[in-house]
């Protein structure tokens, strides 16, 4: 049963890392690889959990800062702030009226529907062409073209 638990932890962490920009879940997932094999060998679950916490902590403390610097070329980033991404400057069309952060809508870009908000004081109605100005997680900030 513990083998399944660690496999689920690994898969959930991979999924979480894909859908966030925190660069954190990957280290928890990587830390679960050793306990997965320990579970296969019948090591008690308490030992597996302690090993997972130690490995994850070491990976986060040692590798995360270096990885952030390597992949973002600017040192440690403010991950709580919206940023430019590969979606920046792409254009698409409004599917559901897009308002401010309290009234998000949806846009379709490259055949995919994304949650979107605008910093403009006016809502952007359905069918309007928009351009992505920044993103945060899976939310895009858009403006009229």
N, C-alpha and C. Protein backbone atom coordinates (compact mmCIF):
# COMPACT_ATOMS: atom_id res chain seq x y z
N UNK A 1 0.81 -1.20 0.00
CA UNK A 1 0.00 0.00 0.00
C UNK A 1 0.86 1.27 0.00
N UNK A 2 2.00 1.21 0.70
CA UNK A 2 2.90 2.37 0.75
C UNK A 2 3.48 2.67 -0.63
N UNK A 3 3.70 1.63 -1.43
CA UNK A 3 4.22 1.82 -2.78
C UNK A 3 3.25 2.69 -3.58
N UNK A 4 1.98 2.39 -3.48
CA UNK A 4 0.95 3.17 -4.18
C UNK A 4 0.93 4.61 -3.65
N UNK A 5 1.06 4.77 -2.34
CA UNK A 5 1.08 6.10 -1.73
C UNK A 5 2.21 6.94 -2.33
N UNK A 6 3.42 6.40 -2.40
CA UNK A 6 4.56 7.16 -2.93
C UNK A 6 4.41 7.43 -4.42
N UNK A 7 3.85 6.49 -5.14
CA UNK A 7 3.60 6.70 -6.56
C UNK A 7 2.61 7.85 -6.76
N UNK A 8 1.57 7.89 -5.94
CA UNK A 8 0.60 8.99 -6.02
C UNK A 8 1.26 10.32 -5.67
N UNK A 9 2.09 10.33 -4.63
CA UNK A 9 2.80 11.56 -4.26
C UNK A 9 3.66 12.05 -5.43
N UNK A 10 4.38 11.16 -6.05
CA UNK A 10 5.23 11.53 -7.19
C UNK A 10 4.40 12.12 -8.32
N UNK A 11 3.30 11.46 -8.68
CA UNK A 11 2.45 11.92 -9.78
C UNK A 11 1.77 13.24 -9.46
N UNK A 12 1.27 13.40 -8.24
CA UNK A 12 0.62 14.65 -7.84
C UNK A 12 1.62 15.80 -7.88
N UNK A 13 2.84 15.54 -7.44
CA UNK A 13 3.87 16.59 -7.46
C UNK A 13 4.23 16.99 -8.89
N UNK A 14 4.31 16.03 -9.78
CA UNK A 14 4.59 16.34 -11.18
C UNK A 14 3.47 17.19 -11.76
N UNK A 15 2.22 16.78 -11.50
CA UNK A 15 1.06 17.53 -11.98
C UNK A 15 1.05 18.94 -11.39
N UNK A 16 1.33 19.05 -10.10
CA UNK A 16 1.33 20.36 -9.44
C UNK A 16 2.41 21.27 -10.02
N UNK A 17 3.57 20.71 -10.29
CA UNK A 17 4.67 21.52 -10.83
C UNK A 17 4.35 22.01 -12.23
N UNK A 18 3.68 21.19 -13.01
CA UNK A 18 3.29 21.59 -14.36
C UNK A 18 2.32 22.76 -14.33
N UNK A 19 1.45 22.78 -13.33
CA UNK A 19 0.39 23.80 -13.27
C UNK A 19 0.68 24.97 -12.35
N UNK A 20 1.88 25.06 -11.83
CA UNK A 20 2.27 26.23 -11.03
C UNK A 20 3.61 26.73 -11.55
N UNK A 21 4.00 27.86 -11.07
CA UNK A 21 5.32 28.35 -11.46
C UNK A 21 6.21 28.51 -10.24
N UNK A 22 5.95 27.74 -9.19
CA UNK A 22 6.69 27.88 -7.94
C UNK A 22 8.01 27.11 -7.93
N UNK A 23 8.17 26.12 -8.79
CA UNK A 23 9.39 25.31 -8.84
C UNK A 23 9.69 24.72 -7.46
N UNK A 24 8.64 24.12 -6.85
CA UNK A 24 8.76 23.58 -5.51
C UNK A 24 8.31 22.12 -5.45
N UNK A 25 7.18 21.84 -6.05
CA UNK A 25 6.61 20.48 -5.98
C UNK A 25 7.54 19.44 -6.60
N UNK A 26 8.33 19.84 -7.57
CA UNK A 26 9.24 18.90 -8.20
C UNK A 26 10.21 18.30 -7.19
N UNK A 27 10.61 19.08 -6.20
CA UNK A 27 11.55 18.58 -5.20
C UNK A 27 10.88 17.63 -4.22
N UNK A 28 9.61 17.87 -3.89
CA UNK A 28 8.87 16.92 -3.05
C UNK A 28 8.66 15.61 -3.81
N UNK A 29 8.37 15.72 -5.10
CA UNK A 29 8.21 14.52 -5.93
C UNK A 29 9.49 13.74 -6.06
N UNK A 30 10.60 14.45 -6.28
CA UNK A 30 11.90 13.77 -6.38
C UNK A 30 12.28 13.14 -5.05
N UNK A 31 11.93 13.81 -3.97
CA UNK A 31 12.21 13.25 -2.65
C UNK A 31 11.44 11.99 -2.36
N UNK A 32 10.33 11.77 -3.06
CA UNK A 32 9.49 10.58 -2.85
C UNK A 32 9.99 9.36 -3.62
N UNK A 33 10.97 9.54 -4.48
CA UNK A 33 11.48 8.41 -5.26
C UNK A 33 12.18 7.38 -4.37
N UNK A 34 13.04 7.83 -3.47
CA UNK A 34 13.75 6.90 -2.58
C UNK A 34 12.76 6.17 -1.67
N UNK A 35 11.81 6.85 -1.00
CA UNK A 35 10.83 6.12 -0.20
C UNK A 35 9.99 5.12 -1.01
N UNK A 36 9.76 5.42 -2.29
CA UNK A 36 9.06 4.48 -3.16
C UNK A 36 9.81 3.15 -3.20
N UNK A 37 11.13 3.22 -3.41
CA UNK A 37 11.92 2.00 -3.45
C UNK A 37 12.05 1.35 -2.07
N UNK A 38 12.12 2.17 -1.03
CA UNK A 38 12.14 1.62 0.33
C UNK A 38 10.85 0.84 0.61
N UNK A 39 9.73 1.35 0.10
CA UNK A 39 8.45 0.64 0.27
C UNK A 39 8.46 -0.69 -0.46
N UNK A 40 9.08 -0.71 -1.64
CA UNK A 40 9.20 -1.97 -2.39
C UNK A 40 9.99 -3.01 -1.61
N UNK A 41 10.97 -2.55 -0.83
CA UNK A 41 11.82 -3.45 -0.05
C UNK A 41 11.25 -3.76 1.33
N UNK A 42 10.07 -3.21 1.65
CA UNK A 42 9.42 -3.54 2.91
C UNK A 42 9.89 -2.76 4.12
N UNK A 43 10.57 -1.64 3.93
CA UNK A 43 11.01 -0.79 5.04
C UNK A 43 9.77 -0.17 5.69
N UNK A 44 9.72 -0.04 7.02
CA UNK A 44 8.56 0.54 7.69
C UNK A 44 8.20 1.94 7.17
N UNK A 45 6.92 2.23 7.15
CA UNK A 45 6.43 3.49 6.59
C UNK A 45 7.00 4.70 7.33
N UNK A 46 7.14 4.63 8.63
CA UNK A 46 7.68 5.76 9.41
C UNK A 46 9.09 6.12 8.92
N UNK A 47 9.90 5.13 8.63
CA UNK A 47 11.25 5.38 8.11
C UNK A 47 11.15 6.01 6.72
N UNK A 48 10.24 5.51 5.90
CA UNK A 48 10.05 6.07 4.56
C UNK A 48 9.68 7.56 4.64
N UNK A 49 8.76 7.89 5.55
CA UNK A 49 8.31 9.27 5.69
C UNK A 49 9.44 10.18 6.14
N UNK A 50 10.25 9.73 7.09
CA UNK A 50 11.38 10.53 7.57
C UNK A 50 12.39 10.74 6.45
N UNK A 51 12.68 9.69 5.71
CA UNK A 51 13.61 9.80 4.58
C UNK A 51 13.08 10.79 3.55
N UNK A 52 11.78 10.74 3.27
CA UNK A 52 11.16 11.67 2.31
C UNK A 52 11.33 13.12 2.77
N UNK A 53 11.04 13.38 4.04
CA UNK A 53 11.16 14.75 4.55
C UNK A 53 12.60 15.24 4.50
N UNK A 54 13.54 14.38 4.85
CA UNK A 54 14.95 14.78 4.83
C UNK A 54 15.41 15.06 3.40
N UNK A 55 15.12 14.14 2.50
CA UNK A 55 15.55 14.32 1.10
C UNK A 55 14.89 15.54 0.49
N UNK A 56 13.59 15.71 0.69
CA UNK A 56 12.88 16.86 0.14
C UNK A 56 13.44 18.16 0.69
N UNK A 57 13.68 18.20 1.98
CA UNK A 57 14.26 19.40 2.60
C UNK A 57 15.62 19.74 2.03
N UNK A 58 16.46 18.72 1.87
CA UNK A 58 17.78 18.95 1.29
C UNK A 58 17.69 19.44 -0.15
N UNK A 59 16.83 18.82 -0.93
CA UNK A 59 16.67 19.23 -2.32
C UNK A 59 16.18 20.67 -2.43
N UNK A 60 15.20 21.03 -1.59
CA UNK A 60 14.67 22.39 -1.61
C UNK A 60 15.73 23.38 -1.15
N UNK A 61 16.43 23.05 -0.09
CA UNK A 61 17.43 23.96 0.46
C UNK A 61 18.66 24.13 -0.41
N UNK A 62 19.09 23.06 -1.08
CA UNK A 62 20.33 23.10 -1.84
C UNK A 62 20.09 23.35 -3.33
N UNK A 63 19.18 22.60 -3.92
CA UNK A 63 19.02 22.68 -5.38
C UNK A 63 18.06 23.76 -5.87
N UNK A 64 17.02 24.08 -5.09
CA UNK A 64 16.03 25.04 -5.58
C UNK A 64 16.64 26.40 -5.89
N UNK A 65 17.43 27.00 -4.98
CA UNK A 65 18.02 28.30 -5.32
C UNK A 65 18.90 28.23 -6.57
N UNK A 66 19.70 27.19 -6.69
CA UNK A 66 20.56 27.05 -7.87
C UNK A 66 19.73 26.85 -9.13
N UNK A 67 18.68 26.06 -9.03
CA UNK A 67 17.83 25.80 -10.19
C UNK A 67 17.09 27.06 -10.61
N UNK A 68 16.58 27.83 -9.64
CA UNK A 68 15.91 29.09 -9.99
C UNK A 68 16.87 30.02 -10.70
N UNK A 69 18.08 30.10 -10.20
CA UNK A 69 19.08 30.96 -10.84
C UNK A 69 19.41 30.47 -12.25
N UNK A 70 19.56 29.18 -12.40
CA UNK A 70 19.92 28.60 -13.69
C UNK A 70 18.81 28.78 -14.73
N UNK A 71 17.57 28.52 -14.34
CA UNK A 71 16.48 28.55 -15.31
C UNK A 71 15.93 29.94 -15.55
N UNK A 72 16.10 30.83 -14.60
CA UNK A 72 15.53 32.17 -14.76
C UNK A 72 16.58 33.24 -14.98
N UNK A 73 17.86 32.88 -14.88
CA UNK A 73 18.97 33.78 -15.20
C UNK A 73 18.97 35.09 -14.43
N UNK A 74 18.25 35.14 -13.31
CA UNK A 74 18.20 36.39 -12.55
C UNK A 74 18.33 36.16 -11.05
N UNK A 75 18.71 35.01 -10.63
CA UNK A 75 18.72 34.73 -9.20
C UNK A 75 17.33 34.33 -8.74
N UNK A 76 17.05 34.49 -7.47
CA UNK A 76 15.77 34.09 -6.92
C UNK A 76 14.71 35.11 -7.31
N UNK A 77 13.57 34.63 -7.79
CA UNK A 77 12.49 35.48 -8.28
C UNK A 77 11.43 35.69 -7.22
N UNK A 78 10.65 36.74 -7.39
CA UNK A 78 9.46 36.94 -6.57
C UNK A 78 8.36 36.13 -7.24
N UNK A 79 8.14 34.91 -6.75
CA UNK A 79 7.18 34.02 -7.40
C UNK A 79 5.73 34.38 -7.10
N UNK A 80 5.52 35.37 -6.24
CA UNK A 80 4.15 35.77 -5.92
C UNK A 80 3.64 36.83 -6.89
N UNK A 81 4.50 37.34 -7.74
CA UNK A 81 4.11 38.40 -8.66
C UNK A 81 3.87 37.86 -10.06
N UNK A 82 2.86 38.38 -10.76
CA UNK A 82 2.66 37.99 -12.16
C UNK A 82 3.90 38.34 -12.97
N UNK A 83 4.14 37.57 -14.00
CA UNK A 83 5.37 37.78 -14.77
C UNK A 83 5.15 37.55 -16.25
N UNK A 84 6.18 37.88 -17.01
CA UNK A 84 6.16 37.56 -18.43
C UNK A 84 6.46 36.08 -18.56
N UNK A 85 5.91 35.45 -19.59
CA UNK A 85 6.11 34.02 -19.78
C UNK A 85 6.07 33.72 -21.28
N UNK A 86 6.07 32.44 -21.59
CA UNK A 86 5.99 32.05 -23.01
C UNK A 86 4.64 32.44 -23.60
N UNK A 87 3.65 32.72 -22.76
CA UNK A 87 2.33 33.13 -23.25
C UNK A 87 2.29 34.62 -23.58
N UNK A 88 3.22 35.39 -23.04
CA UNK A 88 3.23 36.83 -23.26
C UNK A 88 3.31 37.14 -24.75
N UNK A 89 2.50 38.09 -25.18
CA UNK A 89 2.43 38.58 -26.56
C UNK A 89 1.60 37.69 -27.49
N UNK A 90 1.10 36.54 -27.01
CA UNK A 90 0.23 35.74 -27.85
C UNK A 90 -1.14 36.40 -27.93
N UNK A 91 -1.84 36.19 -29.04
CA UNK A 91 -3.17 36.77 -29.19
C UNK A 91 -4.21 35.66 -29.23
N UNK A 92 -5.41 36.05 -28.87
CA UNK A 92 -6.53 35.11 -28.89
C UNK A 92 -7.83 35.89 -28.84
N UNK A 93 -8.93 35.17 -28.58
CA UNK A 93 -10.24 35.80 -28.54
C UNK A 93 -10.94 35.49 -27.23
N UNK A 94 -11.73 36.45 -26.76
CA UNK A 94 -12.46 36.30 -25.51
C UNK A 94 -13.60 35.32 -25.71
N UNK A 95 -13.70 34.32 -24.83
CA UNK A 95 -14.78 33.32 -24.85
C UNK A 95 -15.90 33.74 -23.89
N UNK A 96 -15.52 34.16 -22.67
CA UNK A 96 -16.44 34.68 -21.65
C UNK A 96 -15.92 36.05 -21.27
N UNK A 97 -16.80 37.01 -21.08
CA UNK A 97 -16.40 38.38 -20.78
C UNK A 97 -15.31 38.42 -19.71
N UNK A 98 -14.25 39.16 -20.00
CA UNK A 98 -13.09 39.26 -19.10
C UNK A 98 -13.16 40.58 -18.34
N UNK A 99 -13.11 40.47 -17.01
CA UNK A 99 -13.10 41.66 -16.16
C UNK A 99 -11.85 41.69 -15.31
N UNK A 100 -11.95 42.36 -14.15
CA UNK A 100 -10.80 42.44 -13.24
C UNK A 100 -10.63 41.12 -12.51
N UNK A 101 -9.71 41.07 -11.53
CA UNK A 101 -9.42 39.83 -10.82
C UNK A 101 -10.63 39.26 -10.09
N UNK A 102 -11.56 40.11 -9.72
CA UNK A 102 -12.78 39.65 -9.07
C UNK A 102 -13.82 39.12 -10.04
N UNK A 103 -13.62 39.38 -11.33
CA UNK A 103 -14.58 38.97 -12.37
C UNK A 103 -13.83 38.38 -13.56
N UNK A 104 -13.14 37.25 -13.34
CA UNK A 104 -12.36 36.68 -14.44
C UNK A 104 -13.25 36.10 -15.54
N UNK A 105 -12.69 36.02 -16.71
CA UNK A 105 -13.37 35.40 -17.83
C UNK A 105 -12.46 34.36 -18.45
N UNK A 106 -12.71 34.04 -19.71
CA UNK A 106 -11.90 33.04 -20.40
C UNK A 106 -11.55 33.52 -21.80
N UNK A 107 -10.35 33.18 -22.24
CA UNK A 107 -9.90 33.48 -23.59
C UNK A 107 -9.44 32.19 -24.25
N UNK A 108 -9.53 32.16 -25.56
CA UNK A 108 -9.05 31.01 -26.32
C UNK A 108 -7.81 31.43 -27.08
N UNK A 109 -6.70 30.72 -26.78
CA UNK A 109 -5.42 31.00 -27.42
C UNK A 109 -4.85 29.68 -27.91
N UNK A 110 -4.52 29.63 -29.19
CA UNK A 110 -3.98 28.42 -29.81
C UNK A 110 -4.86 27.20 -29.53
N UNK A 111 -6.17 27.39 -29.58
CA UNK A 111 -7.10 26.28 -29.42
C UNK A 111 -7.38 25.86 -27.98
N UNK A 112 -6.75 26.52 -27.00
CA UNK A 112 -6.97 26.18 -25.60
C UNK A 112 -7.64 27.34 -24.88
N UNK A 113 -8.52 27.02 -23.94
CA UNK A 113 -9.23 28.04 -23.17
C UNK A 113 -8.47 28.27 -21.86
N UNK A 114 -8.23 29.55 -21.55
CA UNK A 114 -7.49 29.95 -20.36
C UNK A 114 -8.31 30.92 -19.52
N UNK A 115 -8.12 30.88 -18.21
CA UNK A 115 -8.72 31.86 -17.30
C UNK A 115 -7.99 33.16 -17.56
N UNK A 116 -8.73 34.27 -17.62
CA UNK A 116 -8.10 35.54 -17.95
C UNK A 116 -8.73 36.68 -17.16
N UNK A 117 -7.91 37.68 -16.88
CA UNK A 117 -8.35 38.92 -16.24
C UNK A 117 -7.72 40.08 -17.00
N UNK A 118 -8.22 41.28 -16.73
CA UNK A 118 -7.64 42.47 -17.35
C UNK A 118 -7.40 43.52 -16.28
N UNK A 119 -6.38 44.32 -16.46
CA UNK A 119 -6.13 45.41 -15.53
C UNK A 119 -6.82 46.68 -16.01
N UNK A 120 -7.47 46.59 -17.15
CA UNK A 120 -8.24 47.70 -17.69
C UNK A 120 -9.50 47.90 -16.84
N UNK A 121 -9.94 49.15 -16.67
CA UNK A 121 -11.15 49.39 -15.87
C UNK A 121 -12.43 48.88 -16.54
N UNK A 122 -12.39 48.67 -17.84
CA UNK A 122 -13.56 48.19 -18.57
C UNK A 122 -13.44 46.70 -18.85
N UNK A 123 -14.57 45.99 -18.77
CA UNK A 123 -14.59 44.57 -19.14
C UNK A 123 -14.38 44.43 -20.64
N UNK A 124 -13.87 43.27 -21.04
CA UNK A 124 -13.65 43.00 -22.46
C UNK A 124 -14.71 41.98 -22.88
N UNK A 125 -15.61 42.34 -23.82
CA UNK A 125 -16.72 41.46 -24.18
C UNK A 125 -16.30 40.25 -25.03
N UNK A 126 -17.20 39.28 -25.12
CA UNK A 126 -17.00 38.07 -25.92
C UNK A 126 -16.65 38.45 -27.37
N UNK A 127 -15.77 37.64 -27.97
CA UNK A 127 -15.42 37.82 -29.37
C UNK A 127 -14.34 38.84 -29.64
N UNK A 128 -13.91 39.59 -28.63
CA UNK A 128 -12.88 40.62 -28.81
C UNK A 128 -11.50 39.97 -28.89
N UNK A 129 -10.67 40.45 -29.80
CA UNK A 129 -9.30 39.94 -29.89
C UNK A 129 -8.47 40.59 -28.79
N UNK A 130 -7.66 39.76 -28.12
CA UNK A 130 -6.84 40.24 -27.00
C UNK A 130 -5.41 39.76 -27.15
N UNK A 131 -4.52 40.41 -26.41
CA UNK A 131 -3.11 40.01 -26.35
C UNK A 131 -2.75 39.79 -24.89
N UNK A 132 -1.94 38.77 -24.63
CA UNK A 132 -1.50 38.45 -23.27
C UNK A 132 -0.37 39.40 -22.89
N UNK A 133 -0.51 40.05 -21.72
CA UNK A 133 0.54 40.97 -21.26
C UNK A 133 1.40 40.35 -20.16
N UNK A 134 0.83 39.43 -19.37
CA UNK A 134 1.59 38.74 -18.33
C UNK A 134 0.76 37.55 -17.85
N UNK A 135 1.36 36.71 -17.02
CA UNK A 135 0.65 35.53 -16.52
C UNK A 135 1.06 35.25 -15.08
N UNK A 136 0.20 34.51 -14.40
CA UNK A 136 0.50 34.04 -13.05
C UNK A 136 -0.18 32.70 -12.91
N UNK A 137 0.63 31.64 -12.80
CA UNK A 137 0.04 30.29 -12.77
C UNK A 137 -0.67 30.03 -14.08
N UNK A 138 -1.95 29.73 -14.00
CA UNK A 138 -2.72 29.47 -15.21
C UNK A 138 -3.68 30.62 -15.53
N UNK A 139 -3.47 31.77 -14.92
CA UNK A 139 -4.28 32.96 -15.20
C UNK A 139 -3.48 33.92 -16.06
N UNK A 140 -4.11 34.40 -17.12
CA UNK A 140 -3.47 35.34 -18.04
C UNK A 140 -4.05 36.74 -17.86
N UNK A 141 -3.20 37.75 -17.92
CA UNK A 141 -3.65 39.13 -17.96
C UNK A 141 -3.68 39.53 -19.42
N UNK A 142 -4.81 40.03 -19.88
CA UNK A 142 -4.97 40.37 -21.30
C UNK A 142 -5.44 41.80 -21.47
N UNK A 143 -5.20 42.34 -22.65
CA UNK A 143 -5.66 43.67 -23.05
C UNK A 143 -6.19 43.56 -24.47
N UNK A 144 -7.07 44.49 -24.84
CA UNK A 144 -7.57 44.53 -26.22
C UNK A 144 -6.42 44.75 -27.19
N UNK A 145 -6.56 44.18 -28.39
CA UNK A 145 -5.53 44.40 -29.42
C UNK A 145 -5.75 45.75 -30.05
